[in-house]
Amino acid sequence: MPKNIFRRFTKHFFIVTNVTAAILFLLGCYGYFFDPKIFWPIGFLTLTAFYFLLILAAFIIFWLFIKPKRAFISAIAILLAFKPVLNIVPFNFSGSFTKQKKADALRIMTWNVAQFNVMEDEKHPEIKSRMIDVINQNEPDIACFQEMVAEDSTIKDHGHIDEFLEKLNFKNYFYSYNVKEDFWGYAHFGIIIFSKYPIINKQTVSYYPYDYNSIFQYVDIVKGADTIRIFNVHLQSLRFSKTNLKYIDKPSVENEDIAIKESRSIISKFKKGFLKRQVQADRIRAEIAKSPYPVIVTGDFNDVPNSYAYHTIGGGMDNAFVKKGSGLGRTFSGISPVLRIDNIFVDRKMKVLQFNLLKKKLSDHFPIIADVEMNKK
């Protein structure tokens, strides 16, 4: 009798666990349908959707040996989320990239440059030089950087705009920043677009409280007979402290008070991030809709491919990684191996020719590059 009870219990346990994992997986994959103001906890499921995918795959293998029909629980869930899964792991057979681009192609790079390591420049001056080498080796026509620190005054100390223009072989730029975020009173902290093509219009879009993440920028560049609007954005980060990151890396329950304090701090920062990115994404989307020209959106989204921010900003556009990338496409080097939070979205009046993710750990983000061209009329 006890043996039958145990068998019944384990059977129900595995079925319930499988169904629960399937539901959480689907909620995570389609999390962008839920209003973050009301359903902000769903944001956690968007971050864990890939792991639930692995759990469902493991259940399929498990049931095939035990009770093959029950493998349909996971298989149906995966099929229902097939399109979101393609956003997370595109089934592209080749992610090859050639540095020699087509003559009529436009090469875009986006990179969170983490201030070009300016705070550690005296100890490690080689980091900035290596970053500049990486940029030059890949010869982008347009380079969009986030967390940029530079001077545009008469003072030339840690890195003047003129120096970057010269070393990176760019003719034009547009630097957006808030004076409240200044470094040393004369260097700025912001976002910047460098261009080898003429810039005929430039705009910083800012909202209260006018801090770093409440601004974004765009420029209109002219390439031959075409005018293209390039957006550079940096959405709200989680702003984890060193103790937060240490706890995430090695959670401990030895000290209950510290564990509770850190858990509350981390959850609060996640919630704030989900809510702020919703507002920022809505504003960026509204500005995209006003564009009279084909649009390219680049930047650090601080959110994953099945998030509200990703789908709101990139709706109706092609993601360069999804079209031509391969694997998981991780762009952030910390916390989790599946954080693809940097993106290049391309107007469907254009075609993505190739994509490259450069695994160069010089910042906490990896740079990404895409070659695009206008569709033939």
Protein backbone atom coordinates (compact mmCIF):
# COMPACT_ATOMS: atom_id res chain seq x y z
CA MET A 1 0.00 0.00 0.00
CA PRO A 2 2.70 2.56 0.91
CA LYS A 3 4.43 1.70 -2.37
CA ASN A 4 1.30 2.55 -4.39
CA ILE A 5 0.88 5.83 -2.49
CA PHE A 6 4.49 6.75 -3.20
CA ARG A 7 4.10 5.95 -6.91
CA ARG A 8 0.89 7.99 -7.13
CA PHE A 9 2.52 10.89 -5.34
CA THR A 10 5.63 10.94 -7.57
CA LYS A 11 3.48 10.65 -10.72
CA HIS A 12 1.33 13.63 -9.69
CA PHE A 13 4.37 15.55 -8.51
CA PHE A 14 6.14 15.28 -11.88
CA ILE A 15 2.98 16.09 -13.86
CA VAL A 16 2.17 19.15 -11.72
CA THR A 17 5.80 20.32 -11.88
CA ASN A 18 5.86 19.90 -15.66
CA VAL A 19 2.56 21.77 -16.14
CA THR A 20 3.69 24.55 -13.78
CA ALA A 21 6.98 24.93 -15.66
CA ALA A 22 5.08 25.06 -18.96
CA ILE A 23 2.76 27.83 -17.68
CA LEU A 24 5.63 29.89 -16.26
CA PHE A 25 7.56 29.41 -19.50
CA LEU A 26 4.64 30.69 -21.59
CA LEU A 27 4.11 33.67 -19.27
CA GLY A 28 7.80 34.52 -19.58
CA CYS A 29 7.82 34.18 -23.37
CA TYR A 30 4.75 36.38 -23.76
CA GLY A 31 5.56 38.72 -20.88
CA TYR A 32 5.54 41.71 -23.24
CA PHE A 33 1.72 41.48 -23.44
CA PHE A 34 1.40 42.35 -19.75
CA ASP A 35 1.38 45.95 -18.53
CA PRO A 36 4.42 46.29 -16.21
CA LYS A 37 2.57 48.82 -14.04
CA ILE A 38 0.14 46.08 -13.00
CA PHE A 39 1.98 42.83 -13.71
CA TRP A 40 5.58 43.83 -12.97
CA PRO A 41 6.47 40.42 -11.36
CA ILE A 42 6.04 38.85 -14.82
CA GLY A 43 9.29 40.66 -15.65
CA PHE A 44 11.12 38.03 -13.59
CA LEU A 45 9.66 35.32 -15.80
CA THR A 46 10.91 37.07 -18.96
CA LEU A 47 14.41 36.85 -17.48
CA THR A 48 14.07 33.13 -16.74
CA ALA A 49 12.23 31.94 -19.88
CA PHE A 50 15.36 30.34 -21.34
CA TYR A 51 15.91 28.29 -18.17
CA PHE A 52 12.29 27.10 -18.24
CA LEU A 53 12.88 26.10 -21.87
CA LEU A 54 15.74 23.87 -20.68
CA ILE A 55 13.52 22.40 -17.96
CA LEU A 56 10.82 21.59 -20.51
CA ALA A 57 13.39 19.98 -22.82
CA ALA A 58 14.58 17.86 -19.87
CA PHE A 59 10.98 16.81 -19.15
CA ILE A 60 10.54 15.71 -22.78
CA ILE A 61 13.54 13.41 -22.47
CA PHE A 62 12.33 12.18 -19.05
CA TRP A 63 8.80 11.34 -20.23
CA LEU A 64 10.04 9.61 -23.40
CA PHE A 65 11.59 6.97 -21.15
CA ILE A 66 8.71 6.82 -18.64
CA LYS A 67 5.44 7.74 -20.35
CA PRO A 68 5.94 9.10 -23.90
CA LYS A 69 2.47 10.66 -24.19
CA ARG A 70 3.23 13.06 -21.34
CA ALA A 71 6.09 14.56 -23.36
CA PHE A 72 3.34 16.47 -25.20
CA ILE A 73 2.95 18.76 -22.15
CA SER A 74 6.36 20.32 -22.81
CA ALA A 75 6.26 19.92 -26.59
CA ILE A 76 2.96 21.81 -26.90
CA ALA A 77 4.22 24.61 -24.63
CA ILE A 78 7.36 25.01 -26.74
CA LEU A 79 5.35 25.03 -29.97
CA LEU A 80 2.97 27.67 -28.56
CA ALA A 81 5.99 29.86 -27.82
CA PHE A 82 7.86 29.08 -31.03
CA LYS A 83 8.09 32.70 -32.21
CA PRO A 84 9.35 34.09 -28.87
CA VAL A 85 11.83 31.22 -28.68
CA LEU A 86 13.22 32.29 -32.07
CA ASN A 87 13.83 35.74 -30.58
CA ILE A 88 15.83 34.16 -27.76
CA VAL A 89 17.67 31.52 -29.81
CA PRO A 90 17.37 32.12 -33.58
CA PHE A 91 17.75 28.98 -35.68
CA ASN A 92 20.34 30.43 -38.03
CA PHE A 93 22.83 27.92 -39.39
CA SER A 94 25.63 30.42 -39.85
CA GLY A 95 26.74 33.48 -37.97
CA SER A 96 29.68 34.23 -40.27
CA PHE A 97 30.85 37.81 -40.64
CA THR A 98 33.28 39.35 -43.10
CA LYS A 99 35.05 42.58 -42.24
CA GLN A 100 34.98 43.60 -45.90
CA LYS A 101 31.51 45.07 -46.33
CA LYS A 102 29.55 45.62 -49.51
CA ALA A 103 30.11 48.97 -51.19
CA ASP A 104 26.54 50.16 -50.68
CA ALA A 105 26.15 48.73 -47.14
CA LEU A 106 25.93 50.78 -43.96
CA ARG A 107 27.83 49.35 -41.00
CA ILE A 108 26.37 50.09 -37.55
CA MET A 109 28.08 49.45 -34.22
CA THR A 110 26.59 49.85 -30.75
CA TRP A 111 28.56 49.44 -27.53
CA ASN A 112 28.14 50.35 -23.89
CA VAL A 113 31.73 51.51 -23.49
CA ALA A 114 31.60 51.89 -19.67
CA GLN A 115 33.29 55.32 -19.86
CA PHE A 116 36.20 53.85 -21.86
CA ASN A 117 37.53 52.75 -18.46
CA VAL A 118 38.26 56.37 -17.53
CA MET A 119 38.15 55.71 -13.77
CA GLU A 120 40.97 53.18 -14.06
CA ASP A 121 42.86 54.92 -16.86
CA GLU A 122 45.98 55.62 -14.82
CA LYS A 123 46.30 51.96 -13.75
CA HIS A 124 45.23 50.43 -17.07
CA PRO A 125 45.72 52.91 -19.93
CA GLU A 126 45.88 50.01 -22.38
CA ILE A 127 42.12 49.30 -22.04
CA LYS A 128 41.07 52.49 -23.81
CA SER A 129 43.65 51.92 -26.56
CA ARG A 130 42.45 48.36 -27.09
CA MET A 131 38.83 49.52 -27.28
CA ILE A 132 39.73 52.10 -29.91
CA ASP A 133 41.61 49.40 -31.84
CA VAL A 134 38.55 47.12 -31.79
CA ILE A 135 36.38 49.92 -33.19
CA ASN A 136 38.86 50.82 -35.91
CA GLN A 137 39.45 47.20 -36.92
CA ASN A 138 35.74 46.80 -37.65
CA GLU A 139 35.37 50.15 -39.45
CA PRO A 140 31.79 51.13 -38.55
CA ASP A 141 30.15 53.92 -40.55
CA ILE A 142 27.96 54.73 -37.55
CA ALA A 143 29.03 54.09 -33.96
CA CYS A 144 26.56 54.52 -31.09
CA PHE A 145 28.06 54.47 -27.62
CA GLN A 146 26.43 54.46 -24.21
CA GLU A 147 28.05 55.51 -20.93
CA MET A 148 30.38 57.83 -22.84
CA VAL A 149 32.70 60.15 -20.93
CA ALA A 150 34.46 62.91 -22.87
CA GLU A 151 35.21 66.63 -22.85
CA ASP A 152 33.87 69.05 -25.42
CA SER A 153 35.30 72.19 -23.77
CA THR A 154 38.70 73.88 -24.01
CA ILE A 155 40.02 71.49 -21.36
CA LYS A 156 41.73 68.41 -22.74
CA ASP A 157 42.43 65.94 -20.00
CA HIS A 158 41.03 62.39 -19.97
CA GLY A 159 39.58 62.27 -23.49
CA HIS A 160 38.36 65.14 -25.61
CA ILE A 161 35.80 64.74 -28.39
CA ASP A 162 38.43 65.94 -30.88
CA GLU A 163 40.70 63.12 -29.79
CA PHE A 164 37.98 60.51 -30.36
CA LEU A 165 37.13 61.97 -33.78
CA GLU A 166 40.76 61.77 -34.82
CA LYS A 167 41.53 58.33 -33.40
CA LEU A 168 38.30 56.77 -34.66
CA ASN A 169 38.38 58.44 -38.09
CA PHE A 170 34.93 60.00 -37.80
CA LYS A 171 33.95 63.36 -39.26
CA ASN A 172 30.71 63.99 -37.42
CA TYR A 173 29.19 63.34 -34.02
CA PHE A 174 26.30 64.19 -31.73
CA TYR A 175 26.78 64.03 -27.95
CA SER A 176 23.79 64.03 -25.58
CA TYR A 177 24.25 64.38 -21.84
CA ASN A 178 22.87 65.99 -18.72
CA VAL A 179 25.03 68.48 -16.88
CA LYS A 180 24.03 66.87 -13.57
CA GLU A 181 26.00 63.79 -14.62
CA ASP A 182 29.28 65.64 -15.26
CA PHE A 183 32.70 64.17 -14.50
CA TRP A 184 35.15 66.55 -12.79
CA GLY A 185 33.01 69.56 -13.75
CA TYR A 186 34.20 69.67 -17.38
CA ALA A 187 33.77 66.13 -18.79
CA HIS A 188 30.33 64.77 -19.57
CA PHE A 189 28.60 61.42 -19.06
CA GLY A 190 26.12 60.55 -21.77
CA ILE A 191 25.37 58.87 -25.09
CA ILE A 192 27.01 59.68 -28.40
CA ILE A 193 26.63 58.94 -32.11
CA PHE A 194 29.67 59.10 -34.39
CA SER A 195 29.11 59.18 -38.16
CA LYS A 196 31.22 59.05 -41.29
CA TYR A 197 28.23 60.39 -43.21
CA PRO A 198 26.82 63.93 -43.02
CA ILE A 199 24.43 64.61 -40.14
CA ILE A 200 21.67 66.95 -41.30
CA ASN A 201 19.56 66.88 -38.16
CA LYS A 202 20.22 65.99 -34.52
CA GLN A 203 17.96 65.82 -31.50
CA THR A 204 18.18 65.02 -27.80
CA VAL A 205 14.84 63.94 -26.37
CA SER A 206 14.66 64.44 -22.61
CA TYR A 207 12.06 64.11 -19.87
CA TYR A 208 11.87 64.93 -16.20
CA PRO A 209 13.90 64.30 -14.05
CA TYR A 210 16.34 64.78 -16.98
CA ASP A 211 18.79 62.24 -15.60
CA TYR A 212 20.92 59.93 -17.69
CA ASN A 213 18.33 57.25 -18.50
CA SER A 214 15.54 59.78 -19.13
CA ILE A 215 17.22 61.05 -22.31
CA PHE A 216 17.78 59.48 -25.70
CA GLN A 217 18.98 60.86 -29.03
CA TYR A 218 18.67 60.54 -32.78
CA VAL A 219 20.39 61.91 -35.87
CA ASP A 220 19.42 61.99 -39.54
CA ILE A 221 22.29 60.94 -41.78
CA VAL A 222 22.52 61.17 -45.56
CA LYS A 223 23.96 58.24 -47.49
CA GLY A 224 23.74 58.72 -51.23
CA ALA A 225 20.11 59.36 -52.11
CA ASP A 226 18.85 58.04 -48.76
CA THR A 227 18.22 59.76 -45.44
CA ILE A 228 18.15 57.46 -42.39
CA ARG A 229 17.26 58.27 -38.80
CA ILE A 230 19.55 56.63 -36.23
CA PHE A 231 18.39 56.30 -32.61
CA ASN A 232 20.77 55.73 -29.71
CA VAL A 233 19.13 54.72 -26.43
CA HIS A 234 20.13 53.53 -22.98
CA LEU A 235 17.22 52.30 -20.88
CA GLN A 236 17.08 52.12 -17.10
CA SER A 237 19.72 49.88 -15.57
CA LEU A 238 19.20 47.94 -12.34
CA ARG A 239 21.95 49.86 -10.56
CA PHE A 240 23.01 46.90 -8.46
CA SER A 241 25.51 47.66 -5.71
CA LYS A 242 28.62 45.53 -5.22
CA THR A 243 26.94 43.77 -2.29
CA ASN A 244 23.86 43.08 -4.48
CA LEU A 245 26.06 41.50 -7.16
CA LYS A 246 27.99 39.50 -4.58
CA TYR A 247 24.76 38.15 -3.12
CA ILE A 248 23.39 37.26 -6.58
CA ASP A 249 26.63 35.46 -7.41
CA LYS A 250 26.79 33.59 -4.08
CA PRO A 251 23.49 33.77 -2.20
CA SER A 252 23.79 32.82 1.46
CA VAL A 253 21.25 32.19 4.22
CA GLU A 254 23.80 31.98 7.02
CA ASN A 255 22.83 35.47 8.16
CA GLU A 256 19.06 35.70 7.80
CA ASP A 257 18.89 39.48 8.31
CA ILE A 258 21.45 40.15 5.55
CA ALA A 259 19.72 37.68 3.21
CA ILE A 260 16.34 39.37 3.70
CA LYS A 261 17.84 42.85 3.30
CA GLU A 262 19.68 41.97 0.08
CA SER A 263 16.70 40.10 -1.37
CA ARG A 264 14.41 43.07 -0.73
CA SER A 265 16.95 45.47 -2.24
CA ILE A 266 17.36 43.34 -5.38
CA ILE A 267 13.60 42.84 -5.88
CA SER A 268 12.99 46.58 -5.38
CA LYS A 269 15.60 47.44 -8.02
CA PHE A 270 14.13 44.92 -10.46
CA LYS A 271 10.66 46.43 -9.96
CA LYS A 272 11.95 49.97 -10.46
CA GLY A 273 13.75 48.86 -13.62
CA PHE A 274 10.67 47.16 -15.10
CA LEU A 275 8.49 50.23 -14.44
CA LYS A 276 10.98 52.83 -15.68
CA ARG A 277 11.82 50.92 -18.84
CA GLN A 278 8.13 50.75 -19.70
CA VAL A 279 7.85 54.54 -19.61
CA GLN A 280 11.10 55.01 -21.52
CA ALA A 281 10.14 52.42 -24.17
CA ASP A 282 6.76 54.11 -24.74
CA ARG A 283 8.47 57.46 -25.24
CA ILE A 284 11.03 56.06 -27.67
CA ARG A 285 8.30 54.26 -29.63
CA ALA A 286 6.31 57.49 -29.93
CA GLU A 287 9.37 59.28 -31.32
CA ILE A 288 10.10 56.46 -33.78
CA ALA A 289 6.54 56.77 -35.09
CA LYS A 290 7.16 60.43 -35.99
CA SER A 291 10.12 59.69 -38.24
CA PRO A 292 9.69 60.61 -41.92
CA TYR A 293 12.69 58.40 -42.75
CA PRO A 294 13.63 54.72 -42.37
CA VAL A 295 14.78 54.10 -38.80
CA ILE A 296 17.60 52.19 -37.11
CA VAL A 297 17.44 51.86 -33.31
CA THR A 298 20.55 50.91 -31.37
CA GLY A 299 21.55 50.79 -27.76
CA ASP A 300 21.60 49.18 -24.36
CA PHE A 301 18.03 48.12 -23.51
CA ASN A 302 18.88 46.55 -20.16
CA ASP A 303 16.14 44.04 -20.91
CA VAL A 304 15.76 40.68 -22.65
CA PRO A 305 14.15 39.76 -26.01
CA ASN A 306 10.75 38.79 -24.58
CA SER A 307 10.37 41.95 -22.50
CA TYR A 308 7.91 44.81 -22.85
CA ALA A 309 10.71 47.28 -23.70
CA TYR A 310 12.20 45.09 -26.45
CA HIS A 311 8.86 44.52 -28.21
CA THR A 312 7.58 48.07 -27.75
CA ILE A 313 10.67 49.67 -29.27
CA GLY A 314 11.38 47.00 -31.87
CA GLY A 315 7.80 46.34 -32.94
CA GLY A 316 7.49 46.18 -36.73
CA MET A 317 11.28 46.17 -37.15
CA ASP A 318 13.90 43.46 -37.69
CA ASN A 319 16.42 42.65 -35.00
CA ALA A 320 19.86 42.24 -36.58
CA PHE A 321 20.84 39.38 -34.28
CA VAL A 322 17.61 37.44 -34.90
CA LYS A 323 18.05 37.83 -38.67
CA LYS A 324 21.74 37.00 -38.96
CA GLY A 325 23.13 36.05 -35.54
CA SER A 326 23.49 32.62 -33.95
CA GLY A 327 23.55 31.09 -30.48
CA LEU A 328 22.36 32.99 -27.40
CA GLY A 329 24.00 36.28 -28.40
CA ARG A 330 24.93 37.27 -24.85
CA THR A 331 25.96 40.94 -24.79
CA PHE A 332 26.37 41.50 -21.03
CA SER A 333 29.29 39.70 -19.44
CA GLY A 334 27.94 39.43 -15.88
CA ILE A 335 25.16 37.84 -13.79
CA SER A 336 23.71 35.42 -16.38
CA PRO A 337 25.01 33.77 -19.58
CA VAL A 338 21.78 34.56 -21.46
CA LEU A 339 21.58 38.35 -21.14
CA ARG A 340 21.22 39.71 -24.68
CA ILE A 341 20.36 43.28 -23.71
CA ASP A 342 22.09 45.29 -26.48
CA ASN A 343 20.28 45.56 -29.79
CA ILE A 344 20.25 46.87 -33.33
CA PHE A 345 16.73 47.13 -34.78
CA VAL A 346 16.37 47.87 -38.47
CA ASP A 347 13.45 49.32 -40.43
CA ARG A 348 11.91 46.78 -42.81
CA LYS A 349 12.64 49.14 -45.67
CA MET A 350 16.19 47.91 -45.11
CA LYS A 351 17.81 44.49 -45.21
CA VAL A 352 20.22 43.04 -42.62
CA LEU A 353 23.20 41.63 -44.51
CA GLN A 354 25.32 40.33 -41.65
CA PHE A 355 25.76 40.57 -37.88
CA ASN A 356 28.67 40.15 -35.50
CA LEU A 357 29.02 40.01 -31.73
CA LEU A 358 32.58 40.75 -30.62
CA LYS A 359 33.53 38.77 -27.52
CA LYS A 360 35.96 41.44 -26.33
CA LYS A 361 35.78 41.81 -22.55
CA LEU A 362 36.99 45.40 -22.38
CA SER A 363 33.72 46.75 -20.99
CA ASP A 364 30.99 44.89 -19.10
CA HIS A 365 29.17 44.77 -22.46
CA PHE A 366 30.24 43.25 -25.76
CA PRO A 367 30.02 45.41 -28.91
CA ILE A 368 27.68 44.33 -31.68
CA ILE A 369 27.83 45.21 -35.40
CA ALA A 370 25.42 44.91 -38.30
CA ASP A 371 25.70 45.65 -42.02
CA VAL A 372 22.45 46.87 -43.59
CA GLU A 373 21.34 48.18 -46.94
CA MET A 374 18.21 49.73 -48.36
CA ASN A 375 15.85 47.30 -50.07
CA LYS A 376 16.04 47.55 -53.84
CA LYS A 377 13.16 49.57 -55.22
